[in-house]
Amino acid sequence: MPKDEEASTNLNENDSDYKRAHDKWVKEVLEPALAKHPERNKKFMTTSSQNVDRLYTPLDNSGIDFENDISFPGQFPYTRGIHSTMYRGRLWTMRMFAGFGSAEETNERFKYLLEQGNAGLSTAFDLPTLYGYDSDSPMAAGEFGECGVGVSSIEDMSILFKDIPLDKVTTSMTINSPAAMTWAMYIANAENRGIPKSNLGGTIQNDILKEYIAQKEYIFPPNPSMRLVTDTVEYGTKNMPKWNTISISGYHIREAGSTAVQELAFTLADGYAYADWAIERGLNIDDFAPRFSFFFNAHNDFFEEIAKYRAARRIWARDMKYKYGAKDPRSLTLRFHTQTAGCSLTAQQPEINIVRVAIQAMAGVLGGTQSLHTDSMDEALALPSEKAVQIALRTQQIIAHESGVANVADPLGGSYYLEWLTDDMERQAREYFDRIDSLGGVVPAIEKGFFQKEIAAAAYKYQQEIDNDERIVVGVNEFTSDEPVEIPILEMDPEGFERQCKRLKDLRSNRDKSRHSASLRAIEKAAEGDENLMPHFIEAAKAKATLGEMCDVLRGVFGEYREGSDF
């Protein structure tokens, strides 16, 4: 039999020997040591407040079957990674998140990042864009370019990606409720440049469920919103084989205060909901699942984060194979992007955030991520400066080229603690799946406030632990400093907003009014029926309809969502 199976078999046969050796160690070594030097805390816990033992041994792994639970990289259930050689074949994509101010300013930042060794682009949009308002809308007052780039039309999209080869550089766009319209502008801009949509590669986040659960940047009620997501999945499946039409995001769930297990369980549950809607639309699981991607947080607890990624791969592979009957191995492989935890960054002593980010990024790499964004040290204070972004990118490059961790696939695989933690996280995630199913699925659970209550309770507990000094945050409740913050803060172009308003005014004055009106009427008619909306959004973008105008048409058909307050 293979060596690893033999070792697993012997382990099960020798449990009693391990227990005798463990008990002897406790009596002869541990207890005398504790008598002389008690442990520094009464309890030790992960970032998610899960208690952990002082030591893990083969006894904690005796129920794990190597072939079925761990196996090899590139082999079902993909616990150890989706590629057999992992980073020995190709490094993860260093995809730094960028977007601020006007399209012109962000275009310059994109070019700077590519010059510094960035391998792909990741676009942050401002709040008006995320909520489906034009930059000059009264609802957008004071928010243009503040937390991302403002994009209201195809002309903004053209400037944003000016001189960037869209058929050679993959682009990720972090936008959700108006994702279909923004994606349509990206496609229309590429086609205007002579680039076929089939050649475009990238990702649109397009994960509306986590908006209701955590981030709250929704516009329409859940069911029509899910219809829009399914439209994009169907359109991408049939027309854009290189594009990931959903990036199912746990990142924002974690940023809202969830535990690692909640992030894991709620994210995968959302993924299954999208799969169910696509299947109901008539799509085959193996036609669309290979283009699903995921987006996870990398928080401070090194081992907990690595275990989370390994458990996510294993759960998805098993459920795609046994629950959904997927046959294509690509449907079974959970591909994910990682971003270090913005919520872990401190405004106090911001330079030490560099250390936090390095640890978190290392966890993402050891967990087998396909792409990675490292936060900048100044993000608790403002959008990142160019210098801070360069340090964040260099952090990834040092991990890739100097640390040695990219030389071995899943180098921590087989750790007694890590394997126990991976197994335990899967167990807890499946308990959450059962609870969600008992409520009728993800959308009914959202409407009942289930996810919101769970996250609020976890966030409250975490903050209590800090307030009660049960949890140390360096620079906040221990090792504090009164020295003033002395790092450069990003300054945006003060004329960017006026330039944006003029561009919108000129666009509205100069566009073909007949084509523009016809395109909006077509969106309204399609929205009232069951026709796929993507072709109509693309035509409207080419007719120079603005994002706000397209969203207003849908507001008129779908209505706007208001979350209940009873949770």
Protein backbone atom coordinates (compact mmCIF):
# COMPACT_ATOMS: atom_id res chain seq x y z
CA MET A 1 0.00 0.00 0.00
CA PRO A 2 1.20 3.62 -0.48
CA LYS A 3 3.37 4.95 2.29
CA ASP A 4 0.85 7.53 3.52
CA GLU A 5 -1.98 4.98 3.76
CA GLU A 6 0.33 2.68 5.72
CA ALA A 7 1.19 5.48 8.13
CA SER A 8 -2.51 6.27 8.60
CA THR A 9 -3.31 2.63 9.33
CA ASN A 10 -0.46 2.31 11.83
CA LEU A 11 -1.60 5.48 13.56
CA ASN A 12 -5.04 4.02 14.20
CA GLU A 13 -3.50 0.78 15.50
CA ASN A 14 -1.15 2.64 17.82
CA ASP A 15 -3.58 5.10 19.45
CA SER A 16 -3.16 3.42 22.83
CA ASP A 17 0.63 3.72 22.58
CA TYR A 18 0.34 7.43 21.82
CA LYS A 19 -2.03 7.91 24.76
CA ARG A 20 0.35 6.16 27.17
CA ALA A 21 3.23 8.30 25.93
CA HIS A 22 1.10 11.44 26.22
CA ASP A 23 -0.04 10.62 29.76
CA LYS A 24 3.56 9.93 30.77
CA TRP A 25 4.66 13.29 29.35
CA VAL A 26 1.89 15.07 31.26
CA LYS A 27 2.85 13.48 34.56
CA GLU A 28 6.64 13.54 34.29
CA VAL A 29 7.30 16.69 32.23
CA LEU A 30 4.30 19.01 31.98
CA GLU A 31 2.94 19.00 35.51
CA PRO A 32 6.33 19.70 37.18
CA ALA A 33 6.94 22.51 34.68
CA LEU A 34 3.53 24.08 35.37
CA ALA A 35 4.19 23.89 39.11
CA LYS A 36 7.33 25.99 38.67
CA HIS A 37 6.12 28.27 35.86
CA PRO A 38 2.32 28.55 35.41
CA GLU A 39 1.07 29.48 31.94
CA ARG A 40 0.65 33.21 31.34
CA ASN A 41 -3.09 33.04 30.54
CA LYS A 42 -6.01 31.08 31.93
CA LYS A 43 -7.19 30.40 28.40
CA PHE A 44 -5.70 30.60 24.95
CA MET A 45 -7.88 31.27 21.93
CA THR A 46 -7.84 32.05 18.24
CA THR A 47 -8.83 35.40 16.76
CA SER A 48 -12.32 33.89 16.47
CA SER A 49 -12.40 33.24 20.25
CA GLN A 50 -12.14 29.47 19.88
CA ASN A 51 -10.24 27.88 22.75
CA VAL A 52 -7.19 25.85 21.76
CA ASP A 53 -5.22 23.23 23.67
CA ARG A 54 -1.57 23.63 24.55
CA LEU A 55 -0.51 20.72 22.37
CA TYR A 56 -1.80 18.61 19.49
CA THR A 57 -0.63 15.07 18.83
CA PRO A 58 -1.48 12.12 16.56
CA LEU A 59 -4.39 11.44 18.93
CA ASP A 60 -6.11 14.58 17.63
CA ASN A 61 -5.74 13.35 14.05
CA SER A 62 -6.68 9.70 14.55
CA GLY A 63 -10.07 10.19 12.90
CA ILE A 64 -8.57 11.76 9.78
CA ASP A 65 -8.20 9.60 6.70
CA PHE A 66 -5.20 10.74 4.65
CA GLU A 67 -6.47 9.78 1.22
CA ASN A 68 -10.01 11.12 1.67
CA ASP A 69 -9.36 14.12 3.93
CA ILE A 70 -5.87 15.39 3.07
CA SER A 71 -4.49 13.66 -0.04
CA PHE A 72 -2.06 15.41 -2.42
CA PRO A 73 -1.96 18.85 -4.06
CA GLY A 74 -3.95 19.00 -7.27
CA GLN A 75 -5.98 15.94 -6.26
CA PHE A 76 -9.47 15.59 -4.75
CA PRO A 77 -10.48 16.88 -2.22
CA TYR A 78 -7.86 19.59 -2.91
CA THR A 79 -7.19 20.24 0.79
CA ARG A 80 -3.51 20.81 -0.01
CA GLY A 81 -4.04 23.07 -3.02
CA ILE A 82 -5.65 23.04 -6.45
CA HIS A 83 -2.39 22.65 -8.41
CA SER A 84 0.04 19.76 -8.05
CA THR A 85 3.13 21.99 -8.06
CA MET A 86 1.46 25.07 -6.52
CA TYR A 87 3.84 28.05 -6.60
CA ARG A 88 6.73 26.08 -8.06
CA GLY A 89 4.80 26.30 -11.34
CA ARG A 90 3.49 29.86 -11.08
CA LEU A 91 3.35 32.37 -8.25
CA TRP A 92 0.06 33.80 -7.06
CA THR A 93 -1.12 36.94 -8.85
CA MET A 94 -0.08 40.07 -6.97
CA ARG A 95 -3.27 42.06 -7.44
CA MET A 96 -3.19 45.33 -5.50
CA PHE A 97 -6.58 46.95 -4.91
CA ALA A 98 -6.63 50.52 -6.27
CA GLY A 99 -9.11 53.29 -6.89
CA PHE A 100 -9.56 56.86 -5.74
CA GLY A 101 -10.71 60.21 -7.01
CA SER A 102 -11.21 60.56 -10.73
CA ALA A 103 -10.68 58.03 -13.50
CA GLU A 104 -7.54 59.94 -14.53
CA GLU A 105 -5.95 59.58 -11.08
CA THR A 106 -6.72 55.88 -10.77
CA ASN A 107 -5.43 55.24 -14.29
CA GLU A 108 -2.10 56.69 -13.21
CA ARG A 109 -2.08 54.47 -10.08
CA PHE A 110 -2.84 51.41 -12.24
CA LYS A 111 0.13 52.19 -14.47
CA TYR A 112 2.37 52.74 -11.44
CA LEU A 113 1.39 49.37 -9.98
CA LEU A 114 2.04 47.56 -13.25
CA GLU A 115 5.46 49.19 -13.44
CA GLN A 116 6.21 48.02 -9.88
CA GLY A 117 5.47 44.38 -10.69
CA ASN A 118 1.73 44.12 -10.13
CA ALA A 119 0.42 41.20 -12.19
CA GLY A 120 -3.25 42.18 -12.38
CA LEU A 121 -5.55 45.12 -11.69
CA SER A 122 -8.17 45.32 -8.96
CA THR A 123 -10.59 48.25 -9.02
CA ALA A 124 -12.20 49.96 -6.04
CA PHE A 125 -15.24 52.13 -6.79
CA ASP A 126 -16.59 55.02 -4.72
CA LEU A 127 -19.86 54.86 -2.80
CA PRO A 128 -22.02 56.65 -5.39
CA THR A 129 -20.93 54.11 -8.01
CA LEU A 130 -21.50 51.20 -5.62
CA TYR A 131 -25.02 52.45 -4.91
CA GLY A 132 -25.83 53.11 -8.56
CA TYR A 133 -25.77 56.92 -8.54
CA ASP A 134 -24.03 59.23 -10.98
CA SER A 135 -21.21 61.32 -9.54
CA ASP A 136 -23.23 64.56 -9.83
CA SER A 137 -26.39 63.17 -8.21
CA PRO A 138 -27.62 65.00 -5.09
CA MET A 139 -27.50 61.58 -3.39
CA ALA A 140 -23.74 61.47 -4.03
CA ALA A 141 -22.87 64.81 -2.45
CA GLY A 142 -19.44 64.80 -0.83
CA GLU A 143 -18.66 61.19 -1.70
CA PHE A 144 -17.06 61.40 -5.15
CA GLY A 145 -13.78 59.49 -5.22
CA GLU A 146 -13.55 59.19 -1.43
CA CYS A 147 -13.31 55.40 -1.07
CA GLY A 148 -12.67 54.45 -4.68
CA VAL A 149 -12.88 55.78 -8.19
CA GLY A 150 -16.05 57.41 -9.50
CA VAL A 151 -17.39 55.79 -12.70
CA SER A 152 -20.67 56.99 -14.18
CA SER A 153 -20.38 56.26 -17.89
CA ILE A 154 -18.47 54.48 -20.63
CA GLU A 155 -16.34 57.60 -21.01
CA ASP A 156 -15.14 57.25 -17.41
CA MET A 157 -14.42 53.57 -18.06
CA SER A 158 -12.43 54.49 -21.17
CA ILE A 159 -10.27 56.93 -19.21
CA LEU A 160 -9.88 54.51 -16.31
CA PHE A 161 -8.28 51.86 -18.55
CA LYS A 162 -6.59 54.14 -21.06
CA ASP A 163 -3.39 52.63 -22.52
CA ILE A 164 -3.91 49.38 -20.60
CA PRO A 165 -4.06 46.21 -22.77
CA LEU A 166 -7.35 44.74 -21.64
CA ASP A 167 -6.79 41.50 -23.54
CA LYS A 168 -3.45 40.94 -21.76
CA VAL A 169 -4.08 42.20 -18.20
CA THR A 170 -6.79 40.65 -16.06
CA THR A 171 -9.05 43.08 -14.22
CA SER A 172 -11.01 42.58 -11.04
CA MET A 173 -13.86 44.96 -10.23
CA THR A 174 -15.20 45.15 -6.68
CA ILE A 175 -18.81 46.13 -7.23
CA ASN A 176 -22.02 44.29 -6.50
CA SER A 177 -25.53 45.69 -6.85
CA PRO A 178 -24.79 47.56 -10.13
CA ALA A 179 -22.16 44.99 -11.17
CA ALA A 180 -23.95 43.98 -14.37
CA MET A 181 -24.10 47.60 -15.59
CA THR A 182 -20.48 48.34 -14.70
CA TRP A 183 -19.35 45.12 -16.39
CA ALA A 184 -21.36 46.14 -19.45
CA MET A 185 -19.43 49.43 -19.58
CA TYR A 186 -16.14 47.52 -19.37
CA ILE A 187 -17.21 45.18 -22.19
CA ALA A 188 -18.52 48.06 -24.32
CA ASN A 189 -15.30 50.02 -23.86
CA ALA A 190 -13.21 46.99 -24.88
CA GLU A 191 -15.35 46.41 -27.97
CA ASN A 192 -15.06 50.08 -28.92
CA ARG A 193 -11.29 49.54 -28.80
CA GLY A 194 -11.58 46.51 -31.10
CA ILE A 195 -11.04 43.90 -28.37
CA PRO A 196 -13.53 41.00 -28.55
CA LYS A 197 -15.29 40.28 -25.27
CA SER A 198 -14.24 36.63 -25.55
CA ASN A 199 -10.62 37.77 -25.06
CA LEU A 200 -11.31 39.62 -21.82
CA GLY A 201 -10.13 38.04 -18.58
CA GLY A 202 -10.94 39.09 -15.07
CA THR A 203 -13.50 39.02 -12.30
CA ILE A 204 -16.58 41.01 -11.37
CA GLN A 205 -17.32 40.62 -7.66
CA ASN A 206 -21.09 40.59 -8.24
CA ASP A 207 -21.80 38.95 -4.86
CA ILE A 208 -25.07 40.54 -3.80
CA LEU A 209 -25.87 38.07 -1.02
CA LYS A 210 -22.99 39.21 1.15
CA GLU A 211 -24.26 42.78 0.75
CA TYR A 212 -27.47 41.88 2.59
CA ILE A 213 -25.45 39.84 5.08
CA ALA A 214 -22.66 42.28 5.86
CA GLN A 215 -21.67 45.23 3.69
CA LYS A 216 -25.14 46.73 3.02
CA GLU A 217 -24.38 48.21 -0.42
CA TYR A 218 -27.55 46.87 -1.97
CA ILE A 219 -30.12 48.63 -4.15
CA PHE A 220 -32.85 46.18 -5.15
CA PRO A 221 -34.64 43.44 -3.18
CA PRO A 222 -32.95 40.02 -2.99
CA ASN A 223 -34.89 38.15 -5.68
CA PRO A 224 -34.48 40.64 -8.56
CA SER A 225 -30.88 41.12 -7.47
CA MET A 226 -30.32 37.38 -7.76
CA ARG A 227 -31.92 37.52 -11.20
CA LEU A 228 -29.29 40.11 -12.23
CA VAL A 229 -26.46 37.93 -10.91
CA THR A 230 -27.84 34.92 -12.77
CA ASP A 231 -28.05 37.01 -15.95
CA THR A 232 -24.33 37.71 -15.68
CA VAL A 233 -23.51 34.06 -15.00
CA GLU A 234 -25.51 32.98 -18.04
CA TYR A 235 -24.03 35.69 -20.26
CA GLY A 236 -20.47 35.00 -19.18
CA THR A 237 -20.89 31.24 -19.55
CA LYS A 238 -22.07 31.64 -23.14
CA ASN A 239 -19.88 34.54 -24.30
CA MET A 240 -16.83 35.15 -22.08
CA PRO A 241 -14.96 31.94 -21.23
CA LYS A 242 -12.06 33.76 -19.53
CA TRP A 243 -14.21 35.81 -17.15
CA ASN A 244 -15.14 34.96 -13.55
CA THR A 245 -18.71 36.23 -13.30
CA ILE A 246 -18.89 36.03 -9.48
CA SER A 247 -16.26 36.43 -6.81
CA ILE A 248 -18.10 35.02 -3.82
CA SER A 249 -16.82 37.09 -0.96
CA GLY A 250 -16.21 36.21 2.65
CA TYR A 251 -13.93 39.21 3.02
CA HIS A 252 -16.67 41.69 3.84
CA ILE A 253 -18.41 39.21 6.13
CA ARG A 254 -15.19 39.00 8.17
CA GLU A 255 -14.69 42.77 8.07
CA ALA A 256 -18.18 43.14 9.57
CA GLY A 257 -16.98 41.18 12.61
CA SER A 258 -17.64 37.52 11.87
CA THR A 259 -15.51 34.65 13.09
CA ALA A 260 -13.38 32.65 10.67
CA VAL A 261 -15.91 29.80 10.71
CA GLN A 262 -18.79 32.19 9.98
CA GLU A 263 -16.81 33.67 7.10
CA LEU A 264 -16.16 30.18 5.76
CA ALA A 265 -19.71 28.86 6.18
CA PHE A 266 -21.64 31.93 5.04
CA THR A 267 -19.43 32.38 1.96
CA LEU A 268 -19.81 28.80 0.79
CA ALA A 269 -23.55 28.87 1.50
CA ASP A 270 -23.78 31.93 -0.78
CA GLY A 271 -21.86 30.03 -3.44
CA TYR A 272 -24.33 27.16 -3.31
CA ALA A 273 -27.23 29.64 -3.61
CA TYR A 274 -25.74 31.11 -6.80
CA ALA A 275 -25.25 27.62 -8.17
CA ASP A 276 -28.87 26.73 -7.41
CA TRP A 277 -30.16 29.82 -9.25
CA ALA A 278 -27.96 29.11 -12.28
CA ILE A 279 -29.14 25.51 -12.43
CA GLU A 280 -32.75 26.65 -12.18
CA ARG A 281 -32.02 28.96 -15.13
CA GLY A 282 -31.14 25.84 -17.11
CA LEU A 283 -27.35 25.92 -16.94
CA ASN A 284 -25.28 22.78 -16.35
CA ILE A 285 -23.10 22.86 -13.23
CA ASP A 286 -19.95 22.08 -15.22
CA ASP A 287 -20.66 24.92 -17.65
CA PHE A 288 -20.48 27.68 -15.04
CA ALA A 289 -18.92 26.40 -11.80
CA PRO A 290 -15.33 26.43 -13.19
CA ARG A 291 -15.64 30.23 -13.52
CA PHE A 292 -16.83 30.79 -9.94
CA SER A 293 -14.12 32.31 -7.78
CA PHE A 294 -13.94 33.20 -4.10
CA PHE A 295 -12.54 36.06 -2.04
CA PHE A 296 -11.39 35.53 1.54
CA ASN A 297 -10.01 37.61 4.36
CA ALA A 298 -6.59 36.98 5.93
CA HIS A 299 -6.81 37.93 9.60
CA ASN A 300 -4.24 37.81 12.38
CA ASP A 301 -4.43 34.21 13.63
CA PHE A 302 -1.89 32.52 11.39
CA PHE A 303 -3.00 28.90 11.72
CA GLU A 304 -6.72 29.62 11.87
CA GLU A 305 -6.56 31.41 8.52
CA ILE A 306 -4.55 28.65 6.82
CA ALA A 307 -6.97 26.03 8.14
CA LYS A 308 -9.91 28.10 6.85
CA TYR A 309 -8.59 28.08 3.29
CA ARG A 310 -7.83 24.36 3.36
CA ALA A 311 -11.28 23.57 4.78
CA ALA A 312 -12.94 25.77 2.15
CA ARG A 313 -11.31 23.83 -0.69
CA ARG A 314 -12.26 20.49 0.80
CA ILE A 315 -15.89 21.42 1.52
CA TRP A 316 -16.44 22.91 -1.95
CA ALA A 317 -14.87 19.92 -3.70
CA ARG A 318 -16.95 17.42 -1.77
CA ASP A 319 -20.22 19.28 -2.22
CA MET A 320 -19.68 20.00 -5.90
CA LYS A 321 -18.96 16.31 -6.48
CA TYR A 322 -21.49 14.61 -4.23
CA LYS A 323 -24.30 17.19 -3.89
CA TYR A 324 -24.24 18.80 -7.33
CA GLY A 325 -22.87 15.89 -9.35
CA ALA A 326 -20.14 17.95 -11.05
CA LYS A 327 -17.91 15.90 -13.34
CA ASP A 328 -15.38 18.49 -14.52
CA PRO A 329 -12.45 18.65 -12.06
CA ARG A 330 -12.38 22.43 -12.56
CA SER A 331 -15.84 22.62 -10.98
CA LEU A 332 -14.43 20.98 -7.85
CA THR A 333 -11.46 23.32 -7.42
CA LEU A 334 -12.14 26.35 -5.26
CA ARG A 335 -10.02 29.22 -6.58
CA PHE A 336 -9.71 32.25 -4.34
CA HIS A 337 -8.28 35.72 -3.94
CA THR A 338 -7.07 36.87 -0.53
CA GLN A 339 -6.90 40.32 0.98
CA THR A 340 -5.28 41.06 4.29
CA ALA A 341 -7.65 42.24 7.02
CA GLY A 342 -8.40 45.94 6.82
CA CYS A 343 -10.34 45.69 10.08
CA SER A 344 -7.16 44.59 11.88
CA LEU A 345 -5.23 47.74 10.96
CA THR A 346 -4.78 50.41 13.60
CA ALA A 347 -4.62 54.18 13.30
CA GLN A 348 -2.26 54.04 16.29
CA GLN A 349 1.37 53.45 15.29
CA PRO A 350 0.40 52.75 11.66
CA GLU A 351 3.89 51.57 10.75
CA ILE A 352 3.37 48.36 12.74
CA ASN A 353 0.55 47.49 10.36
CA ILE A 354 3.33 46.43 7.98
CA VAL A 355 4.06 43.53 10.36
CA ARG A 356 0.41 42.54 10.64
CA VAL A 357 0.04 42.55 6.87
CA ALA A 358 3.17 40.44 6.38
CA ILE A 359 1.87 37.76 8.77
CA GLN A 360 -1.58 37.78 7.17
CA ALA A 361 -0.14 37.62 3.66
CA MET A 362 2.05 34.68 4.63
CA ALA A 363 -1.05 32.87 5.88
CA GLY A 364 -2.77 33.48 2.54
CA VAL A 365 0.21 32.05 0.67
CA LEU A 366 0.59 29.04 2.95
CA GLY A 367 -3.15 28.51 2.57
CA GLY A 368 -2.76 28.26 -1.22
CA THR A 369 -4.29 31.51 -2.51
CA GLN A 370 -4.41 32.20 -6.26
CA SER A 371 -4.07 35.98 -5.92
CA LEU A 372 -3.31 38.37 -3.11
CA HIS A 373 -3.78 41.99 -2.10
CA THR A 374 -1.73 43.33 0.79
CA ASP A 375 -3.21 46.31 2.65
CA SER A 376 -1.13 49.42 3.09
CA MET A 377 -0.01 50.64 6.50
CA ASP A 378 -1.99 53.89 6.28
CA GLU A 379 -5.43 52.48 5.41
CA ALA A 380 -6.86 53.05 8.88
CA LEU A 381 -6.27 56.75 8.24
CA ALA A 382 -6.92 57.32 4.54
CA LEU A 383 -6.69 55.81 1.09
CA PRO A 384 -3.15 54.51 0.64
CA SER A 385 -0.31 56.73 -0.49
CA GLU A 386 1.99 55.64 -3.29
CA LYS A 387 4.82 54.91 -0.85
CA ALA A 388 2.58 52.78 1.38
CA VAL A 389 1.31 50.82 -1.62
CA GLN A 390 4.86 50.14 -2.75
CA ILE A 391 5.77 48.72 0.68
CA ALA A 392 2.66 46.54 0.63
CA LEU A 393 3.55 45.17 -2.80
CA ARG A 394 7.18 44.64 -1.80
CA THR A 395 5.90 42.58 1.15
CA GLN A 396 4.41 40.09 -1.30
CA GLN A 397 7.55 40.08 -3.41
CA ILE A 398 9.72 39.30 -0.38
CA ILE A 399 7.42 36.43 0.58
CA ALA A 400 7.56 35.13 -2.98
CA HIS A 401 11.28 35.42 -3.59
CA GLU A 402 13.07 35.45 -0.24
CA SER A 403 11.07 33.51 2.36
CA GLY A 404 11.23 30.05 0.78
CA VAL A 405 7.55 29.31 1.45
CA ALA A 406 6.77 29.16 -2.29
CA ASN A 407 9.20 26.28 -2.80
CA VAL A 408 7.00 23.55 -1.28
CA ALA A 409 3.33 22.76 -1.82
CA ASP A 410 1.33 23.00 1.43
CA PRO A 411 4.45 22.94 3.64
CA LEU A 412 2.39 22.90 6.86
CA GLY A 413 0.28 19.93 5.77
CA GLY A 414 0.55 17.16 8.34
CA SER A 415 0.88 19.51 11.30
CA TYR A 416 -1.14 17.91 14.08
CA TYR A 417 -2.64 21.28 15.04
CA LEU A 418 -3.34 22.43 11.49
CA GLU A 419 -5.00 19.18 10.44
CA TRP A 420 -7.16 19.14 13.59
CA LEU A 421 -8.14 22.78 13.03
CA THR A 422 -8.95 22.18 9.35
CA ASP A 423 -11.16 19.24 10.29
CA ASP A 424 -12.87 21.15 13.09
CA MET A 425 -13.61 24.13 10.85
CA GLU A 426 -15.31 21.87 8.33
CA ARG A 427 -17.39 20.34 11.11
CA GLN A 428 -18.52 23.75 12.38
CA ALA A 429 -19.22 25.02 8.86
CA ARG A 430 -21.49 22.06 8.16
CA GLU A 431 -23.41 22.78 11.36
CA TYR A 432 -24.04 26.27 9.98
CA PHE A 433 -25.20 24.82 6.64
CA ASP A 434 -27.80 22.76 8.52
CA ARG A 435 -29.04 25.85 10.37
CA ILE A 436 -29.30 27.85 7.13
CA ASP A 437 -31.19 25.01 5.42
CA SER A 438 -33.59 24.82 8.36
CA LEU A 439 -34.49 28.48 7.73
CA GLY A 440 -35.29 27.79 4.08
CA GLY A 441 -31.97 28.75 2.50
CA VAL A 442 -29.79 31.84 2.22
CA VAL A 443 -32.36 34.40 1.05
CA PRO A 444 -34.99 33.49 3.70
CA ALA A 445 -32.24 33.45 6.33
CA ILE A 446 -31.23 36.98 5.25
CA GLU A 447 -34.84 38.15 5.50
CA LYS A 448 -35.05 36.64 9.00
CA GLY A 449 -31.86 38.44 10.08
CA PHE A 450 -30.01 35.20 10.87
CA PHE A 451 -26.63 36.14 9.43
CA GLN A 452 -26.80 39.66 10.82
CA LYS A 453 -27.47 38.40 14.35
CA GLU A 454 -24.66 35.86 14.21
CA ILE A 455 -22.11 38.41 13.00
CA ALA A 456 -23.24 41.07 15.48
CA ALA A 457 -22.86 38.64 18.38
CA ALA A 458 -19.36 37.63 17.25
CA ALA A 459 -18.25 41.24 16.77
CA TYR A 460 -19.59 42.23 20.18
CA LYS A 461 -17.79 39.35 21.87
CA TYR A 462 -14.50 40.24 20.16
CA GLN A 463 -14.75 43.88 21.23
CA GLN A 464 -15.61 42.89 24.80
CA GLU A 465 -12.45 40.80 24.93
CA ILE A 466 -10.40 43.83 23.91
CA ASP A 467 -12.19 46.14 26.36
CA ASN A 468 -11.66 43.65 29.19
CA ASP A 469 -7.97 43.17 28.28
CA GLU A 470 -8.58 39.50 27.54
CA ARG A 471 -7.21 40.17 24.07
CA ILE A 472 -4.18 42.36 23.36
CA VAL A 473 -4.09 44.65 20.34
CA VAL A 474 -0.62 46.13 20.13
CA GLY A 475 -0.73 49.90 20.17
CA VAL A 476 -4.38 50.02 21.26
CA ASN A 477 -4.73 48.48 24.73
CA GLU A 478 -1.07 47.53 25.28
CA PHE A 479 2.30 48.93 24.18
CA THR A 480 0.73 52.29 23.41
CA SER A 481 2.55 55.44 22.33
CA ASP A 482 1.75 59.15 22.48
CA GLU A 483 4.00 60.01 19.57
CA PRO A 484 2.19 61.79 16.72
CA VAL A 485 1.57 59.93 13.47
CA GLU A 486 4.15 60.99 10.91
CA ILE A 487 3.41 59.28 7.60
CA PRO A 488 2.43 60.89 4.29
CA ILE A 489 -1.31 60.91 3.56
CA LEU A 490 -2.72 60.68 0.04
CA GLU A 491 -4.01 63.93 -1.42
CA MET A 492 -6.49 63.84 -4.28
CA ASP A 493 -6.85 66.26 -7.17
CA PRO A 494 -9.12 69.06 -5.86
CA GLU A 495 -10.39 69.68 -9.38
CA GLY A 496 -11.35 66.06 -10.02
CA PHE A 497 -15.01 66.46 -9.04
CA GLU A 498 -15.54 69.53 -11.22
CA ARG A 499 -13.91 67.73 -14.15
CA GLN A 500 -16.18 64.74 -13.60
CA CYS A 501 -19.33 66.88 -13.50
CA LYS A 502 -18.35 68.65 -16.72
CA ARG A 503 -17.69 65.33 -18.43
CA LEU A 504 -21.15 64.10 -17.45
CA LYS A 505 -22.78 67.33 -18.60
CA ASP A 506 -21.04 67.14 -21.98
CA LEU A 507 -21.94 63.47 -22.39
CA ARG A 508 -25.63 64.15 -21.80
CA SER A 509 -25.59 67.05 -24.25
CA ASN A 510 -23.75 65.32 -27.08
CA ARG A 511 -25.08 61.76 -27.11
CA ASP A 512 -27.57 60.42 -29.66
CA LYS A 513 -30.80 61.10 -27.77
CA SER A 514 -32.86 58.68 -29.81
CA ARG A 515 -30.45 55.77 -29.32
CA HIS A 516 -30.07 56.63 -25.66
CA SER A 517 -33.83 56.69 -24.99
CA ALA A 518 -34.38 53.48 -26.93
CA SER A 519 -31.70 51.68 -24.92
CA LEU A 520 -33.32 52.61 -21.59
CA ARG A 521 -36.76 51.54 -22.81
CA ALA A 522 -35.28 48.19 -23.83
CA ILE A 523 -33.84 47.71 -20.32
CA GLU A 524 -37.23 48.48 -18.78
CA LYS A 525 -39.07 46.04 -21.04
CA ALA A 526 -36.52 43.26 -20.44
CA ALA A 527 -36.61 43.85 -16.68
CA GLU A 528 -40.39 43.51 -16.67
CA GLY A 529 -40.02 40.12 -18.36
CA ASP A 530 -37.46 37.37 -18.00
CA GLU A 531 -35.05 38.23 -20.81
CA ASN A 532 -31.32 38.37 -20.02
CA LEU A 533 -30.48 42.01 -19.33
CA MET A 534 -26.77 41.94 -20.18
CA PRO A 535 -27.08 42.67 -23.95
CA HIS A 536 -29.33 45.62 -23.13
CA PHE A 537 -26.87 47.01 -20.57
CA ILE A 538 -24.05 46.79 -23.12
CA GLU A 539 -26.11 48.61 -25.74
CA ALA A 540 -27.09 51.26 -23.20
CA ALA A 541 -23.43 51.76 -22.26
CA LYS A 542 -22.54 52.24 -25.93
CA ALA A 543 -25.48 54.66 -26.24
CA LYS A 544 -23.84 56.64 -23.39
CA ALA A 545 -26.53 55.98 -20.83
CA THR A 546 -25.12 56.61 -17.37
CA LEU A 547 -24.96 54.17 -14.50
CA GLY A 548 -27.51 56.20 -12.55
CA GLU A 549 -29.94 56.22 -15.47
CA MET A 550 -29.77 52.44 -15.90
CA CYS A 551 -30.19 51.86 -12.15
CA ASP A 552 -33.11 54.29 -12.01
CA VAL A 553 -34.92 52.26 -14.67
CA LEU A 554 -34.43 49.14 -12.55
CA ARG A 555 -35.49 50.97 -9.39
CA GLY A 556 -38.73 51.73 -11.16
CA VAL A 557 -39.29 48.06 -12.03
CA PHE A 558 -37.78 46.22 -9.03
CA GLY A 559 -38.14 48.78 -6.24
CA GLU A 560 -35.54 49.44 -3.57
CA TYR A 561 -34.71 47.23 -0.60
CA ARG A 562 -35.01 48.33 3.01
CA GLU A 563 -33.63 46.04 5.67
CA GLY A 564 -35.75 45.31 8.70
CA SER A 565 -34.47 46.53 12.07
CA ASP A 566 -35.51 43.54 14.17
CA PHE A 567 -32.30 41.54 14.54
